[in-house]
Amino acid sequence: MLTVETIARIRREHAKGKSIRAIARSLKVSRETVTKYLRSGETAPRYERQHQPLPKLSGFQEELERLITENERRPARDRLDYLGLFGRLKDAGFQGGYDTVRRYIKRFKQRQPPSGPVNAYVPLTFAPAEAYQFDWAEEWIILDGVTTKVQVAHARLCTAACRSWRSTRASPRRWCSTPTPVPRPSTAACASAASTTI
């Protein structure tokens, strides 16, 4: 196959008036190749195989497809990889190479319709006051100069940061969701609530 530089040289030589025969002789390529690239207008070589022969796999295609289908039905932890499927096919008498089997499996899977949802996800976005997180905690505060343990209710409006806040907490938490907004308490209200929970 010719390189891009060789094709460019063919075009330059032909533009200078050099004959196809002379170009083919100087570049050591056939005249048909020179003519093809001059007529087609292609600037890069391209090779497309019209038919993929499978001389060794042709007698084992049904067996391989059966193995792939059975493998897909297994739980994820029990599934064989390409090398495992190749080993099973070798046990059935296949004499070909691994690359042939790997390419066939890949093409076979691409032809199959998707079995489940594709790119499914749950977006973690909330409208204002659509959801909040609620939790109880024990805190130590200094109240009138005395260190005191109090029970505190935490409420936080949900944002993207709430998920990471939840996942970093080791103890189990209770979660609520409500369409009613949750006002953020002031410092004075917190001190008042703390004094009532002692």
Protein backbone atom coordinates (compact mmCIF):
# COMPACT_ATOMS: atom_id res chain seq x y z
CA MET A 1 0.00 0.00 0.00
CA LEU A 2 1.29 3.44 -0.91
CA THR A 3 2.02 6.16 1.60
CA VAL A 4 0.56 9.68 1.48
CA GLU A 5 3.96 11.02 0.42
CA THR A 6 4.15 8.62 -2.54
CA ILE A 7 0.67 9.59 -3.73
CA ALA A 8 1.60 13.27 -3.47
CA ARG A 9 4.77 12.59 -5.47
CA ILE A 10 2.72 10.83 -8.18
CA ARG A 11 0.54 13.94 -8.50
CA ARG A 12 3.51 16.31 -8.58
CA GLU A 13 5.35 14.30 -11.21
CA HIS A 14 2.22 14.09 -13.36
CA ALA A 15 1.62 17.84 -13.02
CA LYS A 16 5.15 18.44 -14.33
CA GLY A 17 4.23 16.50 -17.49
CA LYS A 18 5.86 13.17 -16.70
CA SER A 19 4.16 10.15 -18.26
CA ILE A 20 2.40 7.46 -16.23
CA ARG A 21 4.92 4.86 -17.40
CA ALA A 22 7.87 7.03 -16.30
CA ILE A 23 6.26 7.72 -12.90
CA ALA A 24 5.61 4.02 -12.36
CA ARG A 25 9.19 3.16 -13.29
CA SER A 26 10.78 5.80 -11.04
CA LEU A 27 8.61 4.96 -8.01
CA LYS A 28 8.66 1.18 -8.63
CA VAL A 29 4.88 0.82 -8.67
CA SER A 30 2.54 -0.51 -11.33
CA ARG A 31 1.02 1.72 -13.99
CA GLU A 32 -2.45 0.67 -12.81
CA THR A 33 -1.68 2.02 -9.35
CA VAL A 34 -0.47 5.36 -10.74
CA THR A 35 -3.55 5.61 -12.97
CA LYS A 36 -5.88 4.74 -10.10
CA TYR A 37 -4.63 7.53 -7.85
CA LEU A 38 -4.54 10.09 -10.66
CA ARG A 39 -8.14 9.35 -11.69
CA SER A 40 -9.69 8.86 -8.24
CA GLY A 41 -8.47 12.10 -6.66
CA GLU A 42 -7.68 10.27 -3.41
CA THR A 43 -4.89 11.74 -1.33
CA ALA A 44 -4.53 8.82 1.11
CA PRO A 45 -4.45 5.06 0.53
CA ARG A 46 -7.58 3.18 1.46
CA TYR A 47 -8.19 -0.54 1.60
CA GLU A 48 -11.61 -1.98 2.17
CA ARG A 49 -12.13 -5.71 2.19
CA GLN A 50 -15.45 -6.49 0.57
CA HIS A 51 -15.74 -9.96 2.08
CA GLN A 52 -14.07 -11.34 5.20
CA PRO A 53 -13.24 -15.00 4.61
CA LEU A 54 -13.32 -17.23 7.67
CA PRO A 55 -11.82 -20.49 6.39
CA LYS A 56 -11.10 -22.02 9.81
CA LEU A 57 -13.98 -20.47 11.75
CA SER A 58 -16.69 -21.21 9.18
CA GLY A 59 -17.45 -24.64 10.67
CA PHE A 60 -17.51 -23.29 14.24
CA GLN A 61 -19.57 -20.10 13.89
CA GLU A 62 -22.76 -21.62 15.29
CA GLU A 63 -20.88 -23.14 18.22
CA LEU A 64 -19.16 -19.84 18.98
CA GLU A 65 -22.44 -17.90 18.80
CA ARG A 66 -24.01 -20.45 21.16
CA LEU A 67 -21.11 -20.02 23.60
CA ILE A 68 -21.42 -16.21 23.44
CA THR A 69 -25.19 -16.32 24.04
CA GLU A 70 -24.85 -18.70 27.00
CA ASN A 71 -22.02 -16.61 28.41
CA GLU A 72 -24.13 -13.42 28.32
CA ARG A 73 -26.88 -15.13 30.34
CA ARG A 74 -24.53 -15.96 33.21
CA PRO A 75 -24.02 -13.67 36.22
CA ALA A 76 -21.30 -11.09 35.63
CA ARG A 77 -18.84 -12.78 38.00
CA ASP A 78 -19.15 -16.12 36.15
CA ARG A 79 -18.78 -14.81 32.60
CA LEU A 80 -15.85 -15.86 30.46
CA ASP A 81 -13.68 -13.29 28.74
CA TYR A 82 -12.65 -13.58 25.08
CA LEU A 83 -9.74 -15.85 25.98
CA GLY A 84 -12.05 -18.15 27.93
CA LEU A 85 -14.45 -18.42 24.99
CA PHE A 86 -11.50 -19.11 22.72
CA GLY A 87 -10.43 -21.94 25.04
CA ARG A 88 -13.91 -23.48 24.93
CA LEU A 89 -13.89 -23.30 21.13
CA LYS A 90 -10.46 -24.96 21.04
CA ASP A 91 -11.87 -27.77 23.20
CA ALA A 92 -14.56 -28.23 20.53
CA GLY A 93 -11.86 -28.78 17.88
CA PHE A 94 -11.17 -25.29 16.51
CA GLN A 95 -7.66 -25.01 15.04
CA GLY A 96 -7.57 -21.28 14.24
CA GLY A 97 -6.03 -18.35 16.07
CA TYR A 98 -7.24 -16.20 18.97
CA ASP A 99 -7.45 -12.95 16.94
CA THR A 100 -9.97 -14.51 14.54
CA VAL A 101 -12.22 -15.49 17.44
CA ARG A 102 -11.82 -12.14 19.20
CA ARG A 103 -12.79 -10.17 16.07
CA TYR A 104 -15.79 -12.41 15.43
CA ILE A 105 -17.05 -12.07 19.02
CA LYS A 106 -16.73 -8.29 18.83
CA ARG A 107 -18.66 -8.09 15.56
CA PHE A 108 -21.30 -10.53 16.84
CA LYS A 109 -21.91 -8.43 19.96
CA GLN A 110 -22.20 -5.23 17.89
CA ARG A 111 -24.93 -6.84 15.79
CA GLN A 112 -27.02 -7.78 18.83
CA PRO A 113 -29.65 -5.33 20.10
CA PRO A 114 -28.95 -3.92 23.58
CA SER A 115 -30.53 -6.08 26.28
CA GLY A 116 -30.98 -3.38 28.90
CA PRO A 117 -31.05 0.37 29.32
CA VAL A 118 -28.16 2.18 27.71
CA ASN A 119 -26.47 5.08 29.53
CA ALA A 120 -29.17 5.12 32.19
CA TYR A 121 -28.60 7.38 35.18
CA VAL A 122 -30.54 9.31 37.80
CA PRO A 123 -29.57 12.98 37.75
CA LEU A 124 -28.74 14.39 41.17
CA THR A 125 -30.40 17.74 40.74
CA PHE A 126 -33.18 19.26 42.79
CA ALA A 127 -35.39 22.27 42.34
CA PRO A 128 -35.24 24.87 45.14
CA ALA A 129 -36.84 23.41 48.31
CA GLU A 130 -37.72 20.16 46.50
CA ALA A 131 -35.80 17.91 48.91
CA TYR A 132 -33.77 18.14 52.09
CA GLN A 133 -31.71 15.99 54.44
CA PHE A 134 -32.61 15.58 58.09
CA ASP A 135 -30.54 14.10 60.90
CA TRP A 136 -30.22 14.05 64.69
CA ALA A 137 -26.86 14.43 66.40
CA GLU A 138 -25.33 14.92 69.82
CA GLU A 139 -23.13 18.01 70.12
CA TRP A 140 -21.14 19.57 72.95
CA ILE A 141 -21.67 23.29 73.45
CA ILE A 142 -20.66 25.89 76.01
CA LEU A 143 -23.84 27.35 77.46
CA ASP A 144 -23.49 30.03 80.18
CA GLY A 145 -19.88 28.91 80.72
CA VAL A 146 -20.85 25.25 81.23
CA THR A 147 -19.94 22.52 78.72
CA THR A 148 -23.17 20.68 77.96
CA LYS A 149 -24.19 17.84 75.65
CA VAL A 150 -27.28 18.68 73.58
CA GLN A 151 -29.44 16.91 70.99
CA VAL A 152 -29.45 18.84 67.72
CA ALA A 153 -31.65 18.45 64.65
CA HIS A 154 -29.78 19.06 61.38
CA ALA A 155 -31.69 20.02 58.23
CA ARG A 156 -29.94 20.78 54.96
CA LEU A 157 -31.37 21.61 51.55
CA CYS A 158 -30.22 19.15 48.89
CA THR A 159 -27.57 20.22 46.43
CA ALA A 160 -24.97 18.25 44.51
CA ALA A 161 -22.76 18.40 47.63
CA CYS A 162 -25.33 16.57 49.77
CA ARG A 163 -24.57 13.18 48.24
CA SER A 164 -20.89 13.42 49.13
CA TRP A 165 -21.84 14.63 52.63
CA ARG A 166 -24.06 11.57 53.03
CA SER A 167 -21.46 9.11 51.73
CA THR A 168 -18.73 10.35 54.04
CA ARG A 169 -20.76 9.76 57.19
CA ALA A 170 -20.08 6.35 58.74
CA SER A 171 -23.25 5.95 60.78
CA PRO A 172 -26.64 5.28 59.16
CA ARG A 173 -28.77 8.37 58.62
CA ARG A 174 -32.45 8.97 58.10
CA TRP A 175 -33.41 10.83 54.94
CA CYS A 176 -36.59 12.66 54.17
CA SER A 177 -37.87 14.38 51.08
CA THR A 178 -40.58 16.98 51.08
CA PRO A 179 -41.75 19.70 48.70
CA THR A 180 -42.00 22.19 51.56
CA PRO A 181 -39.03 24.50 52.05
CA VAL A 182 -36.92 24.17 55.18
CA PRO A 183 -35.82 27.53 56.63
CA ARG A 184 -32.24 27.76 57.84
CA PRO A 185 -32.23 28.49 61.58
CA SER A 186 -30.35 31.48 62.88
CA THR A 187 -27.61 31.31 65.53
CA ALA A 188 -29.97 32.69 68.15
CA ALA A 189 -32.57 30.06 67.29
CA CYS A 190 -29.94 27.32 67.61
CA ALA A 191 -28.92 28.54 71.06
CA SER A 192 -32.59 28.72 72.06
CA ALA A 193 -33.23 25.20 70.75
CA ALA A 194 -30.14 23.92 72.50
CA SER A 195 -31.26 25.35 75.81
CA THR A 196 -34.67 23.66 75.51
CA THR A 197 -33.16 20.24 74.77
CA ILE A 198 -30.99 20.04 77.90
